[in-house]
Amino acid sequence: MADNDLERLFGGADTEAGELLSSLFSEVGDSGQSGGNPLQGLVRELNEGGLAPKVESWIGTGENQPVSGPEIAQALPYQVLDSVAQRAGVTPEQAADRLADALPQAVDNLTPQGEVPQGLL
């Protein structure tokens, strides 16, 4: 994915955050359970990981609730976070912290109508 595509999709996230987000979406989109829609896969993973109220705020049209790196690390399967971190050349803890900073805005930008779009992004 080109940098300008990352900026468009992830609302101006810096390049490193954009790469982490792109890797994360790739990982959760590969699970097969989301029908190839990485946003649906991510929302499912985070909801199952206990972040449903926060994720709902990011999707909805109101204020985005913040999330911490440790919350992201707990919500995502370790193998997903580890793979994303390895691709970016950072530790899983660093990846979780950076994803925590970027995910609320990224999900908000990908759901402008207040709902997860159906089909592929």
C-alpha atoms as a PDB file:
ATOM      1  CA  MET A   1       0.000   0.000   0.000  1.00  0.00           C
ATOM      2  CA  ALA A   2       1.454   3.390  -0.953  1.00  0.00           C
ATOM      3  CA  ASP A   3       2.038   6.084   1.672  1.00  0.00           C
ATOM      4  CA  ASN A   4      -0.673   8.319   0.199  1.00  0.00           C
ATOM      5  CA  ASP A   5      -3.136   5.404   0.437  1.00  0.00           C
ATOM      6  CA  LEU A   6      -2.200   4.922   4.083  1.00  0.00           C
ATOM      7  CA  GLU A   7      -2.701   8.610   4.760  1.00  0.00           C
ATOM      8  CA  ARG A   8      -6.120   8.547   3.099  1.00  0.00           C
ATOM      9  CA  LEU A   9      -7.232   5.410   4.933  1.00  0.00           C
ATOM     10  CA  PHE A  10      -5.730   6.214   8.295  1.00  0.00           C
ATOM     11  CA  GLY A  11      -6.348   9.926   8.511  1.00  0.00           C
ATOM     12  CA  GLY A  12      -2.853  11.310   8.327  1.00  0.00           C
ATOM     13  CA  ALA A  13      -1.242   8.772  10.668  1.00  0.00           C
ATOM     14  CA  ASP A  14       2.530   9.016  10.499  1.00  0.00           C
ATOM     15  CA  THR A  15       4.281   6.523   8.242  1.00  0.00           C
ATOM     16  CA  GLU A  16       5.248   4.151  11.059  1.00  0.00           C
ATOM     17  CA  ALA A  17       1.726   4.127  12.480  1.00  0.00           C
ATOM     18  CA  GLY A  18       0.351   3.672   8.961  1.00  0.00           C
ATOM     19  CA  GLU A  19       2.613   0.673   8.417  1.00  0.00           C
ATOM     20  CA  LEU A  20       1.560  -0.841  11.743  1.00  0.00           C
ATOM     21  CA  LEU A  21      -2.098  -0.306  10.896  1.00  0.00           C
ATOM     22  CA  SER A  22      -1.648  -1.744   7.421  1.00  0.00           C
ATOM     23  CA  SER A  23       0.068  -4.830   8.884  1.00  0.00           C
ATOM     24  CA  LEU A  24      -2.643  -5.212  11.507  1.00  0.00           C
ATOM     25  CA  PHE A  25      -5.418  -5.000   8.923  1.00  0.00           C
ATOM     26  CA  SER A  26      -3.577  -7.528   6.793  1.00  0.00           C
ATOM     27  CA  GLU A  27      -3.241  -9.935   9.727  1.00  0.00           C
ATOM     28  CA  VAL A  28      -6.870  -9.773  10.831  1.00  0.00           C
ATOM     29  CA  GLY A  29      -8.126  -9.816   7.239  1.00  0.00           C
ATOM     30  CA  ASP A  30      -6.323 -13.114   6.669  1.00  0.00           C
ATOM     31  CA  SER A  31      -8.302 -14.884   9.394  1.00  0.00           C
ATOM     32  CA  GLY A  32     -10.998 -15.878   6.908  1.00  0.00           C
ATOM     33  CA  GLN A  33     -13.812 -15.230   9.364  1.00  0.00           C
ATOM     34  CA  SER A  34     -14.381 -11.662   8.186  1.00  0.00           C
ATOM     35  CA  GLY A  35     -15.055 -12.530   4.563  1.00  0.00           C
ATOM     36  CA  GLY A  36     -11.929 -10.665   3.537  1.00  0.00           C
ATOM     37  CA  ASN A  37     -12.984  -7.383   5.181  1.00  0.00           C
ATOM     38  CA  PRO A  38     -10.083  -6.442   7.449  1.00  0.00           C
ATOM     39  CA  LEU A  39     -12.062  -3.795   9.331  1.00  0.00           C
ATOM     40  CA  GLN A  40     -14.744  -6.334  10.240  1.00  0.00           C
ATOM     41  CA  GLY A  41     -12.011  -8.737  11.333  1.00  0.00           C
ATOM     42  CA  LEU A  42     -10.340  -6.088  13.477  1.00  0.00           C
ATOM     43  CA  VAL A  43     -13.605  -5.028  15.084  1.00  0.00           C
ATOM     44  CA  ARG A  44     -14.412  -8.669  15.863  1.00  0.00           C
ATOM     45  CA  GLU A  45     -10.967  -9.293  17.395  1.00  0.00           C
ATOM     46  CA  LEU A  46     -11.109  -6.164  19.547  1.00  0.00           C
ATOM     47  CA  ASN A  47     -14.691  -6.798  20.642  1.00  0.00           C
ATOM     48  CA  GLU A  48     -13.850 -10.387  21.607  1.00  0.00           C
ATOM     49  CA  GLY A  49     -10.809  -9.010  23.441  1.00  0.00           C
ATOM     50  CA  GLY A  50     -12.993  -6.875  25.705  1.00  0.00           C
ATOM     51  CA  LEU A  51     -12.834  -3.510  23.966  1.00  0.00           C
ATOM     52  CA  ALA A  52     -16.385  -3.418  22.593  1.00  0.00           C
ATOM     53  CA  PRO A  53     -17.442  -0.133  24.274  1.00  0.00           C
ATOM     54  CA  LYS A  54     -14.328   1.658  23.048  1.00  0.00           C
ATOM     55  CA  VAL A  55     -14.588   0.231  19.537  1.00  0.00           C
ATOM     56  CA  GLU A  56     -18.261   1.268  19.407  1.00  0.00           C
ATOM     57  CA  SER A  57     -17.190   4.841  20.213  1.00  0.00           C
ATOM     58  CA  TRP A  58     -14.675   4.813  17.351  1.00  0.00           C
ATOM     59  CA  ILE A  59     -17.286   3.539  14.893  1.00  0.00           C
ATOM     60  CA  GLY A  60     -20.069   5.801  16.122  1.00  0.00           C
ATOM     61  CA  THR A  61     -20.346   9.470  15.352  1.00  0.00           C
ATOM     62  CA  GLY A  62     -19.562  10.690  18.887  1.00  0.00           C
ATOM     63  CA  GLU A  63     -16.268  11.200  20.674  1.00  0.00           C
ATOM     64  CA  ASN A  64     -13.653   8.449  20.397  1.00  0.00           C
ATOM     65  CA  GLN A  65     -12.745   6.816  23.705  1.00  0.00           C
ATOM     66  CA  PRO A  66      -8.989   6.422  24.196  1.00  0.00           C
ATOM     67  CA  VAL A  67      -7.338   3.032  24.533  1.00  0.00           C
ATOM     68  CA  SER A  68      -3.990   2.090  26.057  1.00  0.00           C
ATOM     69  CA  GLY A  69      -1.196  -0.060  24.679  1.00  0.00           C
ATOM     70  CA  PRO A  70      -1.730  -2.716  27.358  1.00  0.00           C
ATOM     71  CA  GLU A  71      -5.441  -2.864  26.451  1.00  0.00           C
ATOM     72  CA  ILE A  72      -4.552  -3.409  22.784  1.00  0.00           C
ATOM     73  CA  ALA A  73      -1.986  -6.054  23.736  1.00  0.00           C
ATOM     74  CA  GLN A  74      -4.582  -7.876  25.829  1.00  0.00           C
ATOM     75  CA  ALA A  75      -7.324  -7.640  23.202  1.00  0.00           C
ATOM     76  CA  LEU A  76      -5.355  -8.889  20.199  1.00  0.00           C
ATOM     77  CA  PRO A  77      -4.099 -12.450  19.870  1.00  0.00           C
ATOM     78  CA  TYR A  78      -0.405 -12.459  20.737  1.00  0.00           C
ATOM     79  CA  GLN A  79       0.590 -13.970  17.395  1.00  0.00           C
ATOM     80  CA  VAL A  80      -1.122 -11.115  15.544  1.00  0.00           C
ATOM     81  CA  LEU A  81       0.569  -8.421  17.608  1.00  0.00           C
ATOM     82  CA  ASP A  82       3.916 -10.202  17.410  1.00  0.00           C
ATOM     83  CA  SER A  83       3.708 -10.486  13.617  1.00  0.00           C
ATOM     84  CA  VAL A  84       2.751  -6.815  13.254  1.00  0.00           C
ATOM     85  CA  ALA A  85       5.626  -5.801  15.536  1.00  0.00           C
ATOM     86  CA  GLN A  86       8.150  -7.948  13.663  1.00  0.00           C
ATOM     87  CA  ARG A  87       7.139  -6.415  10.331  1.00  0.00           C
ATOM     88  CA  ALA A  88       7.683  -2.937  11.782  1.00  0.00           C
ATOM     89  CA  GLY A  89      10.912  -3.831  13.560  1.00  0.00           C
ATOM     90  CA  VAL A  90       9.592  -2.927  17.018  1.00  0.00           C
ATOM     91  CA  THR A  91       8.680  -4.857  20.151  1.00  0.00           C
ATOM     92  CA  PRO A  92       5.093  -6.038  20.645  1.00  0.00           C
ATOM     93  CA  GLU A  93       4.761  -3.511  23.500  1.00  0.00           C
ATOM     94  CA  GLN A  94       5.894  -0.659  21.245  1.00  0.00           C
ATOM     95  CA  ALA A  95       3.536  -1.807  18.518  1.00  0.00           C
ATOM     96  CA  ALA A  96       0.619  -1.957  20.976  1.00  0.00           C
ATOM     97  CA  ASP A  97       1.366   1.560  22.244  1.00  0.00           C
ATOM     98  CA  ARG A  98       1.564   2.986  18.728  1.00  0.00           C
ATOM     99  CA  LEU A  99      -1.578   1.149  17.637  1.00  0.00           C
ATOM    100  CA  ALA A 100      -3.382   2.491  20.709  1.00  0.00           C
ATOM    101  CA  ASP A 101      -2.533   6.012  19.583  1.00  0.00           C
ATOM    102  CA  ALA A 102      -3.580   5.434  15.962  1.00  0.00           C
ATOM    103  CA  LEU A 103      -6.505   2.981  16.038  1.00  0.00           C
ATOM    104  CA  PRO A 104      -9.292   5.223  17.387  1.00  0.00           C
ATOM    105  CA  GLN A 105      -8.817   7.795  14.621  1.00  0.00           C
ATOM    106  CA  ALA A 106      -8.178   5.185  11.926  1.00  0.00           C
ATOM    107  CA  VAL A 107     -11.372   3.248  12.709  1.00  0.00           C
ATOM    108  CA  ASP A 108     -13.282   6.523  12.969  1.00  0.00           C
ATOM    109  CA  ASN A 109     -12.016   7.569   9.517  1.00  0.00           C
ATOM    110  CA  LEU A 110     -12.969   4.198   8.026  1.00  0.00           C
ATOM    111  CA  THR A 111     -16.523   4.400   9.414  1.00  0.00           C
ATOM    112  CA  PRO A 112     -17.719   7.911   8.483  1.00  0.00           C
ATOM    113  CA  GLN A 113     -21.368   6.845   8.455  1.00  0.00           C
ATOM    114  CA  GLY A 114     -21.150   5.414  11.968  1.00  0.00           C
ATOM    115  CA  GLU A 115     -21.097   1.768  10.883  1.00  0.00           C
ATOM    116  CA  VAL A 116     -18.643  -0.799   9.572  1.00  0.00           C
ATOM    117  CA  PRO A 117     -18.979  -0.987   5.787  1.00  0.00           C
ATOM    118  CA  GLN A 118     -19.866  -4.360   4.324  1.00  0.00           C
ATOM    119  CA  GLY A 119     -17.552  -5.934   1.780  1.00  0.00           C
ATOM    120  CA  LEU A 120     -13.929  -5.231   1.063  1.00  0.00           C
ATOM    121  CA  LEU A 121     -12.230  -1.972   1.953  1.00  0.00           C
END
